[in-house]
Amino acid sequence: MDFEKLYHAYYMKVYSYVMSLSGNRTLAEEITQNTFFKAFTSLNGYRKESDIFTWLCAIARNLYYDELRKSRHGAELDAEALAGDPGPEEAVLRSDTSFRIHMLLHTLEEPYKEVFQLRVFGELTFRQIGSIFGKTENWARVTYHRAKIKIQERMDKS
């Protein structure tokens, strides 16, 4: 497997996925880099039971959750990583409706929150989302639609 081609083919997709989880550019870049490093060092661990992109996303997801656990247990994240740098996303967030959706999304319970983010922000297919969770495509589809309903109900209340 040509790792350089793999890197170029999937870097932006993995970065987008991590960005949908973290909402932070700097942290997403760091985790994406670490994802490819870990993938490179454990290529023999790739069993080809799933798509390579799904495997990379699983690595990225685990690294992201590791980072969350570290930050919760007193390990400080780099202040620059937490602050992030403003970009095109900021223009979208300025919209009141978008802001309200993000606020509601923040309070949404798992797995609805992550499935919604992967579909909307990560632009993943339901098959890819199901693979990340070790579930079926139909499970991902149902979970996404339930998340949309929960968000709409909460939008109507507020």
C-alpha atoms as a PDB file:
ATOM      1  CA  MET A   1       0.000   0.000   0.000  1.00  0.00           C
ATOM      2  CA  ASP A   2       1.429   3.375  -1.039  1.00  0.00           C
ATOM      3  CA  PHE A   3       1.108   5.429   2.133  1.00  0.00           C
ATOM      4  CA  GLU A   4       1.779   8.765   0.410  1.00  0.00           C
ATOM      5  CA  LYS A   5      -1.153   8.208  -1.962  1.00  0.00           C
ATOM      6  CA  LEU A   6      -3.304   7.158   0.968  1.00  0.00           C
ATOM      7  CA  TYR A   7      -2.376  10.334   2.826  1.00  0.00           C
ATOM      8  CA  HIS A   8      -3.198  12.607  -0.112  1.00  0.00           C
ATOM      9  CA  ALA A   9      -6.418  10.783  -0.914  1.00  0.00           C
ATOM     10  CA  TYR A  10      -7.854  10.846   2.609  1.00  0.00           C
ATOM     11  CA  TYR A  11      -6.265  13.729   4.500  1.00  0.00           C
ATOM     12  CA  MET A  12      -9.070  16.249   3.891  1.00  0.00           C
ATOM     13  CA  LYS A  13     -11.812  13.695   4.541  1.00  0.00           C
ATOM     14  CA  VAL A  14     -10.287  12.664   7.863  1.00  0.00           C
ATOM     15  CA  TYR A  15      -9.623  16.298   8.755  1.00  0.00           C
ATOM     16  CA  SER A  16     -13.276  17.169   8.004  1.00  0.00           C
ATOM     17  CA  TYR A  17     -14.426  14.292  10.176  1.00  0.00           C
ATOM     18  CA  VAL A  18     -12.250  15.384  13.108  1.00  0.00           C
ATOM     19  CA  MET A  19     -13.314  18.990  12.572  1.00  0.00           C
ATOM     20  CA  SER A  20     -16.937  17.886  12.893  1.00  0.00           C
ATOM     21  CA  LEU A  21     -16.084  16.278  16.226  1.00  0.00           C
ATOM     22  CA  SER A  22     -13.925  19.005  17.721  1.00  0.00           C
ATOM     23  CA  GLY A  23     -14.973  22.231  16.025  1.00  0.00           C
ATOM     24  CA  ASN A  24     -11.383  23.360  16.428  1.00  0.00           C
ATOM     25  CA  ARG A  25      -9.015  23.722  13.467  1.00  0.00           C
ATOM     26  CA  THR A  26      -5.754  23.378  15.323  1.00  0.00           C
ATOM     27  CA  LEU A  27      -6.889  20.365  17.305  1.00  0.00           C
ATOM     28  CA  ALA A  28      -8.357  18.784  14.161  1.00  0.00           C
ATOM     29  CA  GLU A  29      -5.056  19.241  12.312  1.00  0.00           C
ATOM     30  CA  GLU A  30      -3.098  17.704  15.172  1.00  0.00           C
ATOM     31  CA  ILE A  31      -5.413  14.720  15.510  1.00  0.00           C
ATOM     32  CA  THR A  32      -5.469  14.198  11.742  1.00  0.00           C
ATOM     33  CA  GLN A  33      -1.670  14.154  11.621  1.00  0.00           C
ATOM     34  CA  ASN A  34      -1.586  11.727  14.544  1.00  0.00           C
ATOM     35  CA  THR A  35      -4.178   9.567  12.793  1.00  0.00           C
ATOM     36  CA  PHE A  36      -1.987   9.119   9.752  1.00  0.00           C
ATOM     37  CA  PHE A  37       1.084   8.534  11.902  1.00  0.00           C
ATOM     38  CA  LYS A  38      -0.736   5.845  13.847  1.00  0.00           C
ATOM     39  CA  ALA A  39      -2.121   4.331  10.642  1.00  0.00           C
ATOM     40  CA  PHE A  40       1.359   4.248   9.116  1.00  0.00           C
ATOM     41  CA  THR A  41       2.885   2.576  12.159  1.00  0.00           C
ATOM     42  CA  SER A  42       0.112  -0.013  12.327  1.00  0.00           C
ATOM     43  CA  LEU A  43      -0.638  -0.779   8.676  1.00  0.00           C
ATOM     44  CA  ASN A  44      -0.258  -4.465   9.468  1.00  0.00           C
ATOM     45  CA  GLY A  45      -3.174  -4.027  11.905  1.00  0.00           C
ATOM     46  CA  TYR A  46      -5.514  -3.060   9.077  1.00  0.00           C
ATOM     47  CA  ARG A  47      -7.568  -6.203   8.493  1.00  0.00           C
ATOM     48  CA  LYS A  48      -9.340  -4.956   5.349  1.00  0.00           C
ATOM     49  CA  GLU A  49     -12.706  -5.857   6.909  1.00  0.00           C
ATOM     50  CA  SER A  50     -13.845  -2.297   6.378  1.00  0.00           C
ATOM     51  CA  ASP A  51     -13.137   0.567   4.023  1.00  0.00           C
ATOM     52  CA  ILE A  52      -9.757   2.266   4.576  1.00  0.00           C
ATOM     53  CA  PHE A  53     -11.560   5.569   5.230  1.00  0.00           C
ATOM     54  CA  THR A  54     -13.669   3.924   7.936  1.00  0.00           C
ATOM     55  CA  TRP A  55     -10.509   2.524   9.527  1.00  0.00           C
ATOM     56  CA  LEU A  56      -8.866   5.963   9.484  1.00  0.00           C
ATOM     57  CA  CYS A  57     -11.979   7.565  11.013  1.00  0.00           C
ATOM     58  CA  ALA A  58     -12.020   4.967  13.773  1.00  0.00           C
ATOM     59  CA  ILE A  59      -8.396   5.809  14.590  1.00  0.00           C
ATOM     60  CA  ALA A  60      -9.178   9.551  14.506  1.00  0.00           C
ATOM     61  CA  ARG A  61     -12.232   9.108  16.708  1.00  0.00           C
ATOM     62  CA  ASN A  62     -10.236   7.156  19.292  1.00  0.00           C
ATOM     63  CA  LEU A  63      -7.476   9.776  19.290  1.00  0.00           C
ATOM     64  CA  TYR A  64     -10.054  12.551  19.720  1.00  0.00           C
ATOM     65  CA  TYR A  65     -11.682  10.777  22.674  1.00  0.00           C
ATOM     66  CA  ASP A  66      -8.244  10.143  24.175  1.00  0.00           C
ATOM     67  CA  GLU A  67      -7.614  13.882  23.943  1.00  0.00           C
ATOM     68  CA  LEU A  68     -10.940  14.599  25.655  1.00  0.00           C
ATOM     69  CA  ARG A  69     -10.127  12.173  28.462  1.00  0.00           C
ATOM     70  CA  LYS A  70      -6.721  13.793  28.961  1.00  0.00           C
ATOM     71  CA  SER A  71      -8.252  17.245  29.169  1.00  0.00           C
ATOM     72  CA  ARG A  72     -10.873  16.065  31.669  1.00  0.00           C
ATOM     73  CA  HIS A  73      -8.253  14.534  33.924  1.00  0.00           C
ATOM     74  CA  GLY A  74      -6.246  17.685  34.395  1.00  0.00           C
ATOM     75  CA  ALA A  75      -3.910  17.508  31.427  1.00  0.00           C
ATOM     76  CA  GLU A  76      -4.091  20.955  29.876  1.00  0.00           C
ATOM     77  CA  LEU A  77      -4.573  21.337  26.172  1.00  0.00           C
ATOM     78  CA  ASP A  78      -2.534  23.907  24.371  1.00  0.00           C
ATOM     79  CA  ALA A  79      -4.340  27.247  24.795  1.00  0.00           C
ATOM     80  CA  GLU A  80      -3.853  27.984  21.125  1.00  0.00           C
ATOM     81  CA  ALA A  81      -5.532  24.698  20.191  1.00  0.00           C
ATOM     82  CA  LEU A  82      -8.496  25.478  22.403  1.00  0.00           C
ATOM     83  CA  ALA A  83      -8.880  28.959  20.993  1.00  0.00           C
ATOM     84  CA  GLY A  84      -8.718  27.800  17.388  1.00  0.00           C
ATOM     85  CA  ASP A  85      -8.279  30.222  14.565  1.00  0.00           C
ATOM     86  CA  PRO A  86     -11.207  31.950  12.913  1.00  0.00           C
ATOM     87  CA  GLY A  87     -12.106  30.988   9.402  1.00  0.00           C
ATOM     88  CA  PRO A  88     -14.966  30.545   6.979  1.00  0.00           C
ATOM     89  CA  GLU A  89     -16.890  28.510   9.562  1.00  0.00           C
ATOM     90  CA  GLU A  90     -17.158  31.648  11.677  1.00  0.00           C
ATOM     91  CA  ALA A  91     -19.317  33.331   9.032  1.00  0.00           C
ATOM     92  CA  VAL A  92     -21.789  30.467   9.210  1.00  0.00           C
ATOM     93  CA  LEU A  93     -21.847  30.534  12.986  1.00  0.00           C
ATOM     94  CA  ARG A  94     -22.795  34.210  12.996  1.00  0.00           C
ATOM     95  CA  SER A  95     -26.230  33.386  11.728  1.00  0.00           C
ATOM     96  CA  ASP A  96     -28.730  33.242  14.593  1.00  0.00           C
ATOM     97  CA  THR A  97     -30.367  30.072  13.363  1.00  0.00           C
ATOM     98  CA  SER A  98     -27.046  28.350  12.899  1.00  0.00           C
ATOM     99  CA  PHE A  99     -25.966  29.418  16.365  1.00  0.00           C
ATOM    100  CA  ARG A 100     -29.170  28.073  17.907  1.00  0.00           C
ATOM    101  CA  ILE A 101     -28.711  24.760  16.140  1.00  0.00           C
ATOM    102  CA  HIS A 102     -25.146  24.502  17.397  1.00  0.00           C
ATOM    103  CA  MET A 103     -26.284  25.306  20.936  1.00  0.00           C
ATOM    104  CA  LEU A 104     -28.951  22.624  20.746  1.00  0.00           C
ATOM    105  CA  LEU A 105     -26.539  20.203  19.149  1.00  0.00           C
ATOM    106  CA  HIS A 106     -24.171  20.741  22.057  1.00  0.00           C
ATOM    107  CA  THR A 107     -26.862  19.499  24.468  1.00  0.00           C
ATOM    108  CA  LEU A 108     -27.936  16.566  22.290  1.00  0.00           C
ATOM    109  CA  GLU A 109     -27.094  13.192  23.757  1.00  0.00           C
ATOM    110  CA  GLU A 110     -24.892  10.595  22.066  1.00  0.00           C
ATOM    111  CA  PRO A 111     -25.019   8.921  19.585  1.00  0.00           C
ATOM    112  CA  TYR A 112     -27.449  11.423  18.043  1.00  0.00           C
ATOM    113  CA  LYS A 113     -25.002  14.303  18.359  1.00  0.00           C
ATOM    114  CA  GLU A 114     -22.085  12.564  16.683  1.00  0.00           C
ATOM    115  CA  VAL A 115     -24.178  10.956  13.941  1.00  0.00           C
ATOM    116  CA  PHE A 116     -25.723  14.331  13.076  1.00  0.00           C
ATOM    117  CA  GLN A 117     -22.306  16.004  13.001  1.00  0.00           C
ATOM    118  CA  LEU A 118     -20.793  13.288  10.858  1.00  0.00           C
ATOM    119  CA  ARG A 119     -23.626  13.523   8.358  1.00  0.00           C
ATOM    120  CA  VAL A 120     -23.965  17.318   8.196  1.00  0.00           C
ATOM    121  CA  PHE A 121     -20.466  18.624   8.869  1.00  0.00           C
ATOM    122  CA  GLY A 122     -18.377  15.575   7.988  1.00  0.00           C
ATOM    123  CA  GLU A 123     -20.481  14.873   4.888  1.00  0.00           C
ATOM    124  CA  LEU A 124     -20.184  11.134   5.438  1.00  0.00           C
ATOM    125  CA  THR A 125     -22.574   8.596   3.957  1.00  0.00           C
ATOM    126  CA  PHE A 126     -24.868   6.590   6.202  1.00  0.00           C
ATOM    127  CA  ARG A 127     -22.843   3.496   5.328  1.00  0.00           C
ATOM    128  CA  GLN A 128     -19.624   5.174   6.514  1.00  0.00           C
ATOM    129  CA  ILE A 129     -21.283   6.414   9.704  1.00  0.00           C
ATOM    130  CA  GLY A 130     -22.652   2.962  10.437  1.00  0.00           C
ATOM    131  CA  SER A 131     -19.196   1.468   9.898  1.00  0.00           C
ATOM    132  CA  ILE A 132     -17.593   3.924  12.312  1.00  0.00           C
ATOM    133  CA  PHE A 133     -20.023   2.848  15.036  1.00  0.00           C
ATOM    134  CA  GLY A 134     -19.895  -0.826  14.075  1.00  0.00           C
ATOM    135  CA  LYS A 135     -23.599  -0.677  13.167  1.00  0.00           C
ATOM    136  CA  THR A 136     -25.657  -0.931  10.005  1.00  0.00           C
ATOM    137  CA  GLU A 137     -26.328   1.740   7.417  1.00  0.00           C
ATOM    138  CA  ASN A 138     -29.995   1.641   8.435  1.00  0.00           C
ATOM    139  CA  TRP A 139     -29.070   2.283  12.083  1.00  0.00           C
ATOM    140  CA  ALA A 140     -27.130   5.380  11.032  1.00  0.00           C
ATOM    141  CA  ARG A 141     -30.043   6.596   8.904  1.00  0.00           C
ATOM    142  CA  VAL A 142     -32.590   6.139  11.717  1.00  0.00           C
ATOM    143  CA  THR A 143     -30.302   7.716  14.309  1.00  0.00           C
ATOM    144  CA  TYR A 144     -29.691  10.730  12.063  1.00  0.00           C
ATOM    145  CA  HIS A 145     -33.406  11.267  11.473  1.00  0.00           C
ATOM    146  CA  ARG A 146     -34.150  10.950  15.190  1.00  0.00           C
ATOM    147  CA  ALA A 147     -31.443  13.553  15.862  1.00  0.00           C
ATOM    148  CA  LYS A 148     -33.078  15.898  13.333  1.00  0.00           C
ATOM    149  CA  ILE A 149     -36.445  15.441  15.036  1.00  0.00           C
ATOM    150  CA  LYS A 150     -34.946  16.116  18.481  1.00  0.00           C
ATOM    151  CA  ILE A 151     -33.254  19.279  17.208  1.00  0.00           C
ATOM    152  CA  GLN A 152     -36.450  20.487  15.515  1.00  0.00           C
ATOM    153  CA  GLU A 153     -38.507  19.842  18.659  1.00  0.00           C
ATOM    154  CA  ARG A 154     -36.007  21.771  20.766  1.00  0.00           C
ATOM    155  CA  MET A 155     -35.928  24.589  18.205  1.00  0.00           C
ATOM    156  CA  ASP A 156     -39.718  24.833  18.398  1.00  0.00           C
ATOM    157  CA  LYS A 157     -39.604  25.029  22.207  1.00  0.00           C
ATOM    158  CA  SER A 158     -37.065  27.852  22.301  1.00  0.00           C
END
